[in-house]
Structures are given as structure tokens and as C-alpha cells.
N, C-alpha and C. Protein backbone atom coordinates (compact mmCIF):
# COMPACT_ATOMS: atom_id res chain seq x y z
N MET A 1 -37.55 34.45 20.00
CA MET A 1 -38.48 34.37 18.89
C MET A 1 -38.61 35.76 18.27
N LYS A 2 -38.57 35.80 16.97
CA LYS A 2 -38.70 37.07 16.27
C LYS A 2 -40.16 37.50 16.25
N LEU A 3 -40.35 38.81 16.24
CA LEU A 3 -41.70 39.37 16.32
C LEU A 3 -42.58 38.88 15.16
N ASP A 4 -42.07 38.89 13.94
CA ASP A 4 -42.87 38.46 12.79
C ASP A 4 -43.36 37.02 12.95
N ASN A 5 -42.48 36.17 13.45
CA ASN A 5 -42.84 34.77 13.67
C ASN A 5 -43.90 34.67 14.77
N ALA A 6 -43.71 35.43 15.86
CA ALA A 6 -44.66 35.42 16.97
C ALA A 6 -46.04 35.90 16.52
N VAL A 7 -46.07 36.94 15.69
CA VAL A 7 -47.34 37.47 15.19
C VAL A 7 -48.07 36.40 14.37
N LYS A 8 -47.35 35.72 13.49
CA LYS A 8 -47.98 34.68 12.66
C LYS A 8 -48.53 33.55 13.53
N ILE A 9 -47.70 33.09 14.47
CA ILE A 9 -48.15 32.00 15.36
C ILE A 9 -49.37 32.43 16.14
N TYR A 10 -49.34 33.65 16.67
CA TYR A 10 -50.44 34.13 17.51
C TYR A 10 -51.72 34.33 16.68
N LYS A 11 -51.60 34.88 15.49
CA LYS A 11 -52.78 35.06 14.62
C LYS A 11 -53.40 33.71 14.30
N ASP A 12 -52.57 32.73 13.96
CA ASP A 12 -53.07 31.39 13.65
C ASP A 12 -53.74 30.77 14.87
N PHE A 13 -53.12 30.94 16.03
CA PHE A 13 -53.68 30.41 17.28
C PHE A 13 -55.05 31.02 17.56
N LEU A 14 -55.12 32.35 17.49
CA LEU A 14 -56.38 33.04 17.78
C LEU A 14 -57.47 32.61 16.80
N LYS A 15 -57.11 32.51 15.53
CA LYS A 15 -58.08 32.09 14.51
C LYS A 15 -58.61 30.69 14.82
N SER A 16 -57.72 29.79 15.26
CA SER A 16 -58.15 28.42 15.58
C SER A 16 -59.11 28.39 16.77
N LYS A 17 -59.07 29.43 17.59
CA LYS A 17 -59.96 29.53 18.76
C LYS A 17 -61.19 30.39 18.47
N GLY A 18 -61.28 30.89 17.24
CA GLY A 18 -62.40 31.75 16.88
C GLY A 18 -62.29 33.15 17.48
N LEU A 19 -61.07 33.59 17.75
CA LEU A 19 -60.83 34.91 18.35
C LEU A 19 -60.15 35.82 17.34
N LEU A 20 -60.27 37.12 17.58
CA LEU A 20 -59.69 38.11 16.69
C LEU A 20 -58.33 38.60 17.18
N TYR A 21 -57.50 38.98 16.25
CA TYR A 21 -56.21 39.61 16.54
C TYR A 21 -56.47 41.11 16.65
N THR A 22 -56.68 41.57 17.88
CA THR A 22 -57.06 42.96 18.12
C THR A 22 -55.84 43.83 18.38
N LYS A 23 -56.04 45.13 18.33
CA LYS A 23 -54.96 46.08 18.60
C LYS A 23 -54.39 45.88 20.02
N PRO A 24 -55.22 45.76 21.07
CA PRO A 24 -54.65 45.51 22.41
C PRO A 24 -53.81 44.24 22.48
N ARG A 25 -54.26 43.17 21.83
CA ARG A 25 -53.49 41.92 21.82
C ARG A 25 -52.16 42.13 21.09
N GLU A 26 -52.19 42.88 19.99
CA GLU A 26 -50.97 43.16 19.25
C GLU A 26 -49.98 43.94 20.11
N ILE A 27 -50.46 44.92 20.84
CA ILE A 27 -49.59 45.75 21.68
C ILE A 27 -48.97 44.90 22.78
N VAL A 28 -49.77 44.07 23.44
CA VAL A 28 -49.25 43.20 24.50
C VAL A 28 -48.23 42.23 23.92
N LEU A 29 -48.51 41.67 22.77
CA LEU A 29 -47.58 40.76 22.11
C LEU A 29 -46.24 41.46 21.86
N ARG A 30 -46.29 42.65 21.29
CA ARG A 30 -45.06 43.39 21.00
C ARG A 30 -44.27 43.69 22.28
N GLU A 31 -44.96 44.11 23.32
CA GLU A 31 -44.28 44.41 24.60
C GLU A 31 -43.67 43.16 25.20
N ALA A 32 -44.40 42.06 25.18
CA ALA A 32 -43.91 40.81 25.78
C ALA A 32 -42.72 40.25 25.01
N ILE A 33 -42.79 40.27 23.70
CA ILE A 33 -41.71 39.73 22.88
C ILE A 33 -40.44 40.58 23.02
N SER A 34 -40.62 41.87 23.19
CA SER A 34 -39.44 42.75 23.28
C SER A 34 -38.84 42.80 24.68
N ALA A 35 -39.52 42.24 25.66
CA ALA A 35 -39.00 42.25 27.04
C ALA A 35 -37.71 41.43 27.13
N THR A 36 -36.74 41.98 27.81
CA THR A 36 -35.45 41.29 27.97
C THR A 36 -35.30 40.73 29.38
N TRP A 37 -36.37 40.72 30.15
CA TRP A 37 -36.35 40.29 31.54
C TRP A 37 -37.53 39.36 31.78
N HIS A 38 -37.51 38.68 32.89
CA HIS A 38 -38.62 37.82 33.29
C HIS A 38 -39.65 38.73 33.95
N PHE A 39 -40.85 38.77 33.43
CA PHE A 39 -41.84 39.73 33.91
C PHE A 39 -43.12 39.03 34.34
N SER A 40 -43.78 39.61 35.32
CA SER A 40 -45.12 39.15 35.70
C SER A 40 -46.13 39.99 34.93
N ALA A 41 -47.36 39.55 34.93
CA ALA A 41 -48.41 40.32 34.26
C ALA A 41 -48.54 41.70 34.88
N ASP A 42 -48.45 41.77 36.21
CA ASP A 42 -48.55 43.07 36.88
C ASP A 42 -47.38 43.98 36.52
N GLU A 43 -46.18 43.41 36.44
CA GLU A 43 -45.01 44.23 36.07
C GLU A 43 -45.14 44.76 34.64
N LEU A 44 -45.63 43.93 33.74
CA LEU A 44 -45.81 44.37 32.37
C LEU A 44 -46.90 45.44 32.30
N THR A 45 -47.97 45.26 33.07
CA THR A 45 -49.04 46.26 33.12
C THR A 45 -48.50 47.59 33.60
N THR A 46 -47.74 47.58 34.69
CA THR A 46 -47.16 48.81 35.23
C THR A 46 -46.26 49.48 34.20
N GLN A 47 -45.39 48.69 33.57
CA GLN A 47 -44.48 49.25 32.57
C GLN A 47 -45.25 49.89 31.42
N MET A 48 -46.27 49.19 30.96
CA MET A 48 -47.05 49.72 29.84
C MET A 48 -47.76 51.00 30.24
N HIS A 49 -48.34 51.03 31.42
CA HIS A 49 -49.03 52.24 31.88
C HIS A 49 -48.06 53.40 32.06
N GLU A 50 -46.85 53.11 32.53
CA GLU A 50 -45.83 54.16 32.67
C GLU A 50 -45.43 54.75 31.32
N HIS A 51 -45.57 53.95 30.26
CA HIS A 51 -45.25 54.42 28.91
C HIS A 51 -46.48 54.95 28.17
N GLY A 52 -47.57 55.14 28.91
CA GLY A 52 -48.77 55.71 28.32
C GLY A 52 -49.62 54.74 27.53
N ILE A 53 -49.38 53.46 27.69
CA ILE A 53 -50.17 52.43 27.00
C ILE A 53 -51.23 51.97 27.98
N ASN A 54 -52.47 52.34 27.73
CA ASN A 54 -53.55 52.05 28.68
C ASN A 54 -54.40 50.88 28.20
N ILE A 55 -53.95 49.71 28.56
CA ILE A 55 -54.70 48.47 28.30
C ILE A 55 -55.03 47.90 29.67
N SER A 56 -56.22 47.39 29.82
CA SER A 56 -56.65 46.90 31.12
C SER A 56 -55.79 45.74 31.60
N ARG A 57 -55.68 45.66 32.90
CA ARG A 57 -54.93 44.59 33.55
C ARG A 57 -55.50 43.22 33.14
N ALA A 58 -56.83 43.13 33.10
CA ALA A 58 -57.48 41.86 32.75
C ALA A 58 -57.12 41.44 31.33
N THR A 59 -57.09 42.39 30.40
CA THR A 59 -56.72 42.09 29.02
C THR A 59 -55.28 41.60 28.94
N ILE A 60 -54.41 42.24 29.69
CA ILE A 60 -53.00 41.83 29.70
C ILE A 60 -52.87 40.42 30.26
N TYR A 61 -53.53 40.13 31.38
CA TYR A 61 -53.49 38.78 31.96
C TYR A 61 -53.98 37.74 30.96
N ARG A 62 -55.13 38.00 30.34
CA ARG A 62 -55.70 37.03 29.39
C ARG A 62 -54.80 36.85 28.17
N THR A 63 -54.25 37.96 27.69
CA THR A 63 -53.40 37.89 26.50
C THR A 63 -52.13 37.11 26.78
N LEU A 64 -51.50 37.36 27.93
CA LEU A 64 -50.28 36.61 28.28
C LEU A 64 -50.58 35.12 28.41
N ALA A 65 -51.71 34.79 29.04
CA ALA A 65 -52.08 33.37 29.20
C ALA A 65 -52.30 32.72 27.83
N SER A 66 -52.94 33.44 26.91
CA SER A 66 -53.17 32.86 25.59
C SER A 66 -51.87 32.76 24.79
N MET A 67 -50.95 33.71 25.00
CA MET A 67 -49.65 33.63 24.34
C MET A 67 -48.85 32.43 24.85
N LYS A 68 -48.98 32.14 26.13
CA LYS A 68 -48.32 30.95 26.68
C LYS A 68 -48.94 29.70 26.05
N GLU A 69 -50.25 29.67 25.98
CA GLU A 69 -50.94 28.52 25.39
C GLU A 69 -50.55 28.33 23.92
N ALA A 70 -50.30 29.44 23.23
CA ALA A 70 -49.90 29.38 21.82
C ALA A 70 -48.44 28.98 21.65
N GLY A 71 -47.69 28.95 22.75
CA GLY A 71 -46.28 28.56 22.68
C GLY A 71 -45.34 29.72 22.40
N ILE A 72 -45.84 30.94 22.51
CA ILE A 72 -45.03 32.12 22.25
C ILE A 72 -44.22 32.52 23.48
N LEU A 73 -44.80 32.33 24.65
CA LEU A 73 -44.13 32.66 25.91
C LEU A 73 -43.94 31.41 26.74
N ASN A 74 -42.90 31.42 27.55
CA ASN A 74 -42.71 30.41 28.58
C ASN A 74 -43.11 31.03 29.91
N SER A 75 -43.58 30.22 30.83
CA SER A 75 -43.90 30.72 32.16
C SER A 75 -43.00 30.03 33.17
N VAL A 76 -42.66 30.77 34.20
CA VAL A 76 -41.77 30.26 35.25
C VAL A 76 -42.33 30.70 36.60
N ASP A 77 -42.33 29.79 37.56
CA ASP A 77 -42.74 30.13 38.92
C ASP A 77 -41.50 30.19 39.78
N PHE A 78 -41.15 31.38 40.22
CA PHE A 78 -39.98 31.57 41.07
C PHE A 78 -40.33 31.51 42.55
N GLY A 79 -41.57 31.17 42.86
CA GLY A 79 -41.99 31.10 44.26
C GLY A 79 -42.30 32.45 44.86
N HIS A 80 -42.58 33.44 44.02
CA HIS A 80 -42.90 34.78 44.51
C HIS A 80 -44.41 35.00 44.62
N GLY A 81 -45.18 33.97 44.40
CA GLY A 81 -46.63 34.09 44.50
C GLY A 81 -47.31 34.48 43.19
N HIS A 82 -46.56 34.56 42.12
CA HIS A 82 -47.13 34.86 40.80
C HIS A 82 -46.22 34.28 39.73
N ILE A 83 -46.77 34.16 38.56
CA ILE A 83 -46.05 33.59 37.42
C ILE A 83 -45.26 34.68 36.72
N HIS A 84 -44.07 34.33 36.27
CA HIS A 84 -43.26 35.21 35.43
C HIS A 84 -43.25 34.62 34.03
N TYR A 85 -43.12 35.48 33.06
CA TYR A 85 -43.08 35.07 31.66
C TYR A 85 -41.75 35.47 31.05
N GLU A 86 -41.40 34.77 29.99
CA GLU A 86 -40.25 35.15 29.18
C GLU A 86 -40.51 34.69 27.76
N ALA A 87 -40.03 35.49 26.84
CA ALA A 87 -40.10 35.11 25.43
C ALA A 87 -38.83 34.34 25.13
N PRO A 88 -38.96 33.13 24.60
CA PRO A 88 -37.75 32.34 24.31
C PRO A 88 -36.86 33.08 23.31
N LYS A 89 -35.63 33.32 23.68
CA LYS A 89 -34.68 34.01 22.80
C LYS A 89 -33.89 33.00 21.97
N THR A 90 -33.70 31.81 22.52
CA THR A 90 -32.98 30.75 21.81
C THR A 90 -33.72 29.44 22.07
N LYS A 91 -33.32 28.42 21.38
CA LYS A 91 -33.92 27.11 21.62
C LYS A 91 -33.21 26.37 22.75
N ALA A 92 -32.13 26.94 23.25
CA ALA A 92 -31.36 26.27 24.30
C ALA A 92 -32.15 26.22 25.60
N GLN A 93 -32.26 25.03 26.15
CA GLN A 93 -32.91 24.86 27.44
C GLN A 93 -32.06 25.53 28.51
N HIS A 94 -32.70 26.22 29.42
CA HIS A 94 -31.98 26.83 30.53
C HIS A 94 -32.84 26.77 31.77
N GLU A 95 -32.19 26.89 32.89
CA GLU A 95 -32.88 26.88 34.18
C GLU A 95 -32.73 28.27 34.80
N HIS A 96 -33.41 28.46 35.92
CA HIS A 96 -33.35 29.73 36.61
C HIS A 96 -32.98 29.49 38.06
N ILE A 97 -32.20 30.39 38.59
CA ILE A 97 -31.89 30.38 40.01
C ILE A 97 -32.30 31.75 40.53
N SER A 98 -33.07 31.76 41.63
CA SER A 98 -33.59 33.02 42.14
C SER A 98 -33.19 33.22 43.59
N CYS A 99 -32.97 34.48 43.94
CA CYS A 99 -32.59 34.83 45.31
C CYS A 99 -33.86 34.93 46.16
N GLU A 100 -33.87 34.23 47.27
CA GLU A 100 -35.03 34.23 48.14
C GLU A 100 -35.20 35.55 48.89
N LYS A 101 -34.15 36.33 48.94
CA LYS A 101 -34.22 37.59 49.69
C LYS A 101 -34.60 38.77 48.81
N CYS A 102 -33.86 39.00 47.72
CA CYS A 102 -34.10 40.19 46.88
C CYS A 102 -34.89 39.88 45.61
N GLY A 103 -35.01 38.59 45.25
CA GLY A 103 -35.78 38.21 44.08
C GLY A 103 -35.00 38.21 42.77
N GLU A 104 -33.70 38.52 42.81
CA GLU A 104 -32.90 38.50 41.59
C GLU A 104 -32.97 37.12 40.95
N VAL A 105 -33.03 37.10 39.62
CA VAL A 105 -33.13 35.86 38.87
C VAL A 105 -31.98 35.79 37.87
N CYS A 106 -31.32 34.66 37.82
CA CYS A 106 -30.26 34.42 36.83
C CYS A 106 -30.62 33.17 36.03
N GLU A 107 -30.28 33.21 34.76
CA GLU A 107 -30.44 32.03 33.92
C GLU A 107 -29.14 31.25 33.96
N ILE A 108 -29.27 29.93 34.06
CA ILE A 108 -28.10 29.06 34.06
C ILE A 108 -28.35 27.90 33.11
N GLN A 109 -27.28 27.37 32.58
CA GLN A 109 -27.37 26.16 31.76
C GLN A 109 -26.57 25.07 32.45
N VAL A 110 -27.19 23.92 32.60
CA VAL A 110 -26.56 22.79 33.26
C VAL A 110 -26.24 21.76 32.19
N GLU A 111 -24.96 21.51 32.02
CA GLU A 111 -24.51 20.59 30.99
C GLU A 111 -25.06 19.19 31.23
N ASN A 112 -25.54 18.57 30.19
CA ASN A 112 -26.03 17.19 30.18
C ASN A 112 -27.32 16.97 30.99
N LEU A 113 -27.97 18.04 31.44
CA LEU A 113 -29.19 17.88 32.22
C LEU A 113 -30.30 17.23 31.39
N GLU A 114 -30.47 17.71 30.16
CA GLU A 114 -31.50 17.16 29.28
C GLU A 114 -31.27 15.66 29.06
N LYS A 115 -30.03 15.27 28.85
CA LYS A 115 -29.69 13.86 28.63
C LYS A 115 -30.01 13.04 29.88
N THR A 116 -29.69 13.56 31.05
CA THR A 116 -29.96 12.86 32.31
C THR A 116 -31.46 12.69 32.52
N ILE A 117 -32.22 13.74 32.24
CA ILE A 117 -33.67 13.67 32.41
C ILE A 117 -34.28 12.69 31.43
N ASN A 118 -33.83 12.72 30.18
CA ASN A 118 -34.33 11.75 29.19
C ASN A 118 -34.03 10.33 29.61
N SER A 119 -32.85 10.09 30.13
CA SER A 119 -32.46 8.76 30.59
C SER A 119 -33.35 8.30 31.75
N ALA A 120 -33.57 9.20 32.71
CA ALA A 120 -34.43 8.85 33.86
C ALA A 120 -35.86 8.58 33.41
N ALA A 121 -36.35 9.38 32.48
CA ALA A 121 -37.71 9.18 31.98
C ALA A 121 -37.83 7.85 31.25
N THR A 122 -36.83 7.51 30.45
CA THR A 122 -36.82 6.24 29.72
C THR A 122 -36.84 5.07 30.69
N LYS A 123 -36.03 5.15 31.74
CA LYS A 123 -36.01 4.08 32.74
C LYS A 123 -37.37 3.91 33.42
N ALA A 124 -38.11 5.01 33.57
CA ALA A 124 -39.44 4.95 34.18
C ALA A 124 -40.52 4.65 33.14
N LYS A 125 -40.08 4.40 31.89
CA LYS A 125 -40.98 4.09 30.78
C LYS A 125 -41.91 5.26 30.44
N PHE A 126 -41.32 6.46 30.48
CA PHE A 126 -42.01 7.68 30.10
C PHE A 126 -41.31 8.28 28.90
N LYS A 127 -42.05 9.03 28.11
CA LYS A 127 -41.45 9.84 27.06
C LYS A 127 -41.37 11.25 27.63
N HIS A 128 -40.17 11.74 27.78
CA HIS A 128 -39.96 13.07 28.33
C HIS A 128 -40.50 14.13 27.38
N ILE A 129 -41.34 15.02 27.88
CA ILE A 129 -41.89 16.11 27.08
C ILE A 129 -41.31 17.44 27.52
N LYS A 130 -41.41 17.72 28.80
CA LYS A 130 -40.85 18.97 29.33
C LYS A 130 -40.54 18.78 30.81
N TYR A 131 -39.77 19.69 31.35
CA TYR A 131 -39.46 19.64 32.76
C TYR A 131 -39.29 21.05 33.30
N THR A 132 -39.43 21.17 34.61
CA THR A 132 -39.22 22.43 35.30
C THR A 132 -38.40 22.16 36.54
N ILE A 133 -37.35 22.92 36.69
CA ILE A 133 -36.52 22.82 37.87
C ILE A 133 -36.41 24.21 38.46
N ARG A 134 -36.73 24.35 39.72
CA ARG A 134 -36.65 25.65 40.38
C ARG A 134 -35.54 25.61 41.42
N ILE A 135 -34.57 26.46 41.23
CA ILE A 135 -33.43 26.53 42.15
C ILE A 135 -33.51 27.87 42.86
N SER A 136 -33.43 27.85 44.17
CA SER A 136 -33.45 29.11 44.91
C SER A 136 -32.30 29.12 45.90
N GLY A 137 -31.91 30.30 46.29
CA GLY A 137 -30.81 30.46 47.23
C GLY A 137 -30.66 31.92 47.57
N LEU A 138 -29.44 32.32 47.87
CA LEU A 138 -29.14 33.71 48.16
C LEU A 138 -28.06 34.19 47.20
N CYS A 139 -28.32 35.32 46.56
CA CYS A 139 -27.34 35.88 45.62
C CYS A 139 -26.13 36.41 46.41
N GLU A 140 -25.11 36.75 45.68
CA GLU A 140 -23.88 37.22 46.30
C GLU A 140 -24.11 38.41 47.24
N ASN A 141 -24.97 39.34 46.84
CA ASN A 141 -25.22 40.52 47.67
C ASN A 141 -26.02 40.24 48.93
N CYS A 142 -26.86 39.21 48.91
CA CYS A 142 -27.73 38.91 50.04
C CYS A 142 -27.16 37.87 51.01
N GLN A 143 -25.97 37.36 50.73
CA GLN A 143 -25.39 36.33 51.59
C GLN A 143 -24.86 36.90 52.92
N PHE A 144 -24.74 38.20 52.98
CA PHE A 144 -24.15 38.80 54.19
C PHE A 144 -25.14 39.63 54.94
């Protein structure tokens, strides 16, 4: 998602909730959208503090949660005891596989998965809206 688009969506979302688009929210939005990795709120907080951006941890947590609610960020649970976020770069559905030992995460695309899930949902008389699949294992470096 492009930053300009994310800003518009987020401003509209905040306005609909009676909230203001503040400078701290803008900074968190910019940092989150520009991230090229799957990050937790604590990791983003640490990175921001290392770069001299002093926004409270609580503000970062709340802002990320509201960005997810607004549809700007996706959240993923890799089983590490906390949620990771990612800004959608494309509309292509993808899954994640994570190493149980070192925590490395890779994005993978499984051909025809969406079609299979839609078919299964239809058979169960459901309308498929979204799905989450968590795959874990050991990466090449941790297998030995």
C-alpha cells in the first residue's frame, strides 16, 4: 500500500471514530508502512527509539491496532507469543512459514489455495471472507 493511500484511509478511519490524526500517529503510520519485514509492536518501538523517535510504547501499540482495524496493516501470529504486523505490498494472498528454532519467517504462495478454500467453504454453506494458515518448521540452517 502506498503511503498517500494509507494516510487517506487512516485519516478517514480516525475521523469516523471521532479521533484526531496526530503527529505521533502519523510517524507510526510512516514507519509501519515503510517496514519491509514482519514486525511486532515492541520491535517497531525499539527501532524507532534507536532512530531517535521517542513515542511511547502504549501509543505505538494503540496506533498499530487501529491501523489493523482500518485495514492498513495485516497481523500474523507466528506462535512467538506476540502479534507481528505487515503492510500489504501487493493484493496477492500469501502464507508464512516460520522456523521454530530461530524465528526466521518466509512468505510463500500456494497455488490454488484460495480456490480450494472457497470450494470447501461453499460445500459447508459458508461465504469465505478470510483465512489464516500458520506453517512452522525448521529452516535450512536450523535443521542440523
